[in-house]
Amino acid sequence: MRIKIDAVNDALYFRLDESQIVESEEVQPGIILDYNTKGQAVGIEILGIKERIPAEELKKLQFETV
């Protein structure tokens, strides 16, 4: 899994695997899901992160495994 913060485009992207993206769908304003050939979601893009997430929170990513 990869996480990318794009400050220039004000976006946050989660890439779940490296399979080919064949379709994208905006499921809510500013929330885009990328799908592979099997119809599985493999990427999540969140636009306008500066309005959604405080800058201090973007500087610290926390991972939790259960």
N, C-alpha and C. Protein backbone atom coordinates (compact mmCIF):
# COMPACT_ATOMS: atom_id res chain seq x y z
N MET A 1 0.85 -1.17 0.00
CA MET A 1 0.00 0.00 0.00
C MET A 1 0.89 1.23 0.00
N ARG A 2 0.46 2.24 -0.75
CA ARG A 2 1.19 3.51 -0.79
C ARG A 2 0.23 4.64 -0.42
N ILE A 3 0.77 5.63 0.25
CA ILE A 3 0.01 6.84 0.57
C ILE A 3 0.79 8.02 0.02
N LYS A 4 0.09 8.88 -0.73
CA LYS A 4 0.75 10.03 -1.33
C LYS A 4 -0.04 11.29 -0.98
N ILE A 5 0.66 12.28 -0.47
CA ILE A 5 0.06 13.58 -0.22
C ILE A 5 0.61 14.54 -1.26
N ASP A 6 -0.27 15.11 -2.06
CA ASP A 6 0.11 16.02 -3.13
C ASP A 6 -0.32 17.43 -2.71
N ALA A 7 0.63 18.19 -2.16
CA ALA A 7 0.32 19.53 -1.66
C ALA A 7 -0.05 20.49 -2.79
N VAL A 8 0.57 20.31 -3.96
CA VAL A 8 0.30 21.20 -5.10
C VAL A 8 -1.15 21.06 -5.56
N ASN A 9 -1.64 19.82 -5.67
CA ASN A 9 -3.00 19.57 -6.13
C ASN A 9 -4.00 19.40 -4.99
N ASP A 10 -3.52 19.55 -3.75
CA ASP A 10 -4.38 19.49 -2.57
C ASP A 10 -5.16 18.16 -2.53
N ALA A 11 -4.40 17.05 -2.62
CA ALA A 11 -5.02 15.73 -2.69
C ALA A 11 -4.26 14.72 -1.83
N LEU A 12 -4.99 13.72 -1.39
CA LEU A 12 -4.43 12.59 -0.65
C LEU A 12 -4.83 11.33 -1.41
N TYR A 13 -3.87 10.43 -1.65
CA TYR A 13 -4.17 9.24 -2.44
C TYR A 13 -3.68 7.99 -1.72
N PHE A 14 -4.56 7.02 -1.59
CA PHE A 14 -4.24 5.70 -1.05
C PHE A 14 -4.24 4.72 -2.21
N ARG A 15 -3.14 4.05 -2.45
CA ARG A 15 -3.07 3.03 -3.50
C ARG A 15 -2.99 1.68 -2.80
N LEU A 16 -4.01 0.87 -2.96
CA LEU A 16 -4.11 -0.39 -2.25
C LEU A 16 -3.29 -1.50 -2.87
N ASP A 17 -3.17 -1.53 -4.18
CA ASP A 17 -2.28 -2.47 -4.87
C ASP A 17 -1.88 -1.89 -6.21
N GLU A 18 -1.03 -2.61 -6.91
CA GLU A 18 -0.46 -2.07 -8.16
C GLU A 18 -1.16 -2.57 -9.41
N SER A 19 -2.34 -3.16 -9.28
CA SER A 19 -3.04 -3.62 -10.48
C SER A 19 -3.46 -2.42 -11.33
N GLN A 20 -3.71 -2.69 -12.61
CA GLN A 20 -4.03 -1.65 -13.57
C GLN A 20 -5.38 -1.01 -13.25
N ILE A 21 -5.43 0.30 -13.28
CA ILE A 21 -6.68 1.03 -13.08
C ILE A 21 -7.38 1.16 -14.42
N VAL A 22 -8.63 0.72 -14.47
CA VAL A 22 -9.38 0.78 -15.73
C VAL A 22 -10.59 1.69 -15.64
N GLU A 23 -10.97 2.07 -14.42
CA GLU A 23 -12.14 2.93 -14.26
C GLU A 23 -12.02 3.72 -12.97
N SER A 24 -12.54 4.92 -12.98
CA SER A 24 -12.59 5.76 -11.78
C SER A 24 -14.00 6.29 -11.62
N GLU A 25 -14.41 6.46 -10.38
CA GLU A 25 -15.76 6.94 -10.11
C GLU A 25 -15.73 7.90 -8.91
N GLU A 26 -16.33 9.06 -9.08
CA GLU A 26 -16.46 10.00 -7.97
C GLU A 26 -17.70 9.59 -7.19
N VAL A 27 -17.49 9.02 -6.01
CA VAL A 27 -18.59 8.46 -5.22
C VAL A 27 -19.25 9.51 -4.33
N GLN A 28 -18.53 10.55 -4.00
CA GLN A 28 -19.02 11.72 -3.29
C GLN A 28 -18.19 12.89 -3.80
N PRO A 29 -18.65 14.11 -3.62
CA PRO A 29 -17.84 15.24 -4.10
C PRO A 29 -16.41 15.19 -3.53
N GLY A 30 -15.43 15.11 -4.42
CA GLY A 30 -14.04 15.10 -4.02
C GLY A 30 -13.51 13.76 -3.54
N ILE A 31 -14.29 12.68 -3.63
CA ILE A 31 -13.85 11.33 -3.24
C ILE A 31 -13.94 10.44 -4.47
N ILE A 32 -12.79 9.97 -4.94
CA ILE A 32 -12.73 9.21 -6.19
C ILE A 32 -12.16 7.83 -5.91
N LEU A 33 -12.87 6.81 -6.38
CA LEU A 33 -12.39 5.43 -6.26
C LEU A 33 -11.87 4.97 -7.62
N ASP A 34 -10.72 4.30 -7.61
CA ASP A 34 -10.15 3.70 -8.81
C ASP A 34 -10.37 2.20 -8.74
N TYR A 35 -10.76 1.61 -9.89
CA TYR A 35 -11.06 0.18 -9.95
C TYR A 35 -10.14 -0.53 -10.94
N ASN A 36 -9.86 -1.80 -10.66
CA ASN A 36 -9.07 -2.62 -11.58
C ASN A 36 -10.00 -3.39 -12.52
N THR A 37 -9.44 -4.29 -13.31
CA THR A 37 -10.22 -5.03 -14.30
C THR A 37 -11.24 -5.97 -13.67
N LYS A 38 -11.04 -6.35 -12.40
CA LYS A 38 -11.98 -7.23 -11.69
C LYS A 38 -13.09 -6.45 -10.98
N GLY A 39 -13.05 -5.10 -11.11
CA GLY A 39 -14.05 -4.28 -10.44
C GLY A 39 -13.75 -4.02 -8.98
N GLN A 40 -12.53 -4.35 -8.55
CA GLN A 40 -12.12 -4.13 -7.17
C GLN A 40 -11.56 -2.72 -7.01
N ALA A 41 -11.89 -2.07 -5.90
CA ALA A 41 -11.32 -0.75 -5.61
C ALA A 41 -9.84 -0.92 -5.26
N VAL A 42 -8.97 -0.21 -5.97
CA VAL A 42 -7.53 -0.31 -5.75
C VAL A 42 -6.89 1.03 -5.40
N GLY A 43 -7.69 2.09 -5.44
CA GLY A 43 -7.17 3.40 -5.10
C GLY A 43 -8.29 4.31 -4.61
N ILE A 44 -7.93 5.19 -3.69
CA ILE A 44 -8.88 6.16 -3.15
C ILE A 44 -8.21 7.52 -3.17
N GLU A 45 -8.82 8.48 -3.86
CA GLU A 45 -8.28 9.83 -3.90
C GLU A 45 -9.25 10.77 -3.20
N ILE A 46 -8.69 11.60 -2.33
CA ILE A 46 -9.49 12.59 -1.61
C ILE A 46 -8.97 13.97 -2.01
N LEU A 47 -9.82 14.75 -2.65
CA LEU A 47 -9.45 16.09 -3.09
C LEU A 47 -9.83 17.12 -2.03
N GLY A 48 -9.15 18.24 -2.03
CA GLY A 48 -9.45 19.31 -1.09
C GLY A 48 -9.11 18.95 0.34
N ILE A 49 -7.97 18.29 0.54
CA ILE A 49 -7.63 17.81 1.88
C ILE A 49 -7.35 18.94 2.86
N LYS A 50 -6.92 20.09 2.36
CA LYS A 50 -6.65 21.21 3.27
C LYS A 50 -7.91 21.66 4.00
N GLU A 51 -9.05 21.49 3.37
CA GLU A 51 -10.32 21.84 4.01
C GLU A 51 -10.87 20.71 4.86
N ARG A 52 -10.45 19.48 4.58
CA ARG A 52 -10.98 18.31 5.27
C ARG A 52 -10.16 17.88 6.49
N ILE A 53 -8.83 18.06 6.40
CA ILE A 53 -7.94 17.55 7.43
C ILE A 53 -7.00 18.68 7.88
N PRO A 54 -6.91 18.94 9.18
CA PRO A 54 -5.97 19.97 9.65
C PRO A 54 -4.53 19.63 9.26
N ALA A 55 -3.75 20.63 8.91
CA ALA A 55 -2.37 20.45 8.46
C ALA A 55 -1.53 19.65 9.46
N GLU A 56 -1.76 19.86 10.75
CA GLU A 56 -1.00 19.14 11.78
C GLU A 56 -1.25 17.64 11.70
N GLU A 57 -2.47 17.27 11.36
CA GLU A 57 -2.81 15.85 11.26
C GLU A 57 -2.18 15.20 10.04
N LEU A 58 -2.01 15.94 8.96
CA LEU A 58 -1.38 15.39 7.76
C LEU A 58 0.09 15.09 7.97
N LYS A 59 0.72 15.81 8.91
CA LYS A 59 2.14 15.61 9.17
C LYS A 59 2.41 14.34 9.96
N LYS A 60 1.39 13.81 10.62
CA LYS A 60 1.60 12.59 11.40
C LYS A 60 0.59 11.52 10.97
N LEU A 61 1.11 10.52 10.33
CA LEU A 61 0.28 9.40 9.90
C LEU A 61 0.41 8.28 10.93
N GLN A 62 -0.71 7.72 11.32
CA GLN A 62 -0.69 6.63 12.28
C GLN A 62 -1.24 5.38 11.62
N PHE A 63 -0.58 4.27 11.84
CA PHE A 63 -1.02 3.00 11.28
C PHE A 63 -1.43 2.10 12.42
N GLU A 64 -2.52 1.41 12.22
CA GLU A 64 -3.01 0.49 13.24
C GLU A 64 -3.28 -0.86 12.58
N THR A 65 -2.69 -1.88 13.14
CA THR A 65 -2.94 -3.24 12.66
C THR A 65 -3.65 -4.00 13.77
N VAL A 66 -4.75 -4.62 13.41
CA VAL A 66 -5.53 -5.36 14.41
C VAL A 66 -5.52 -6.83 14.10
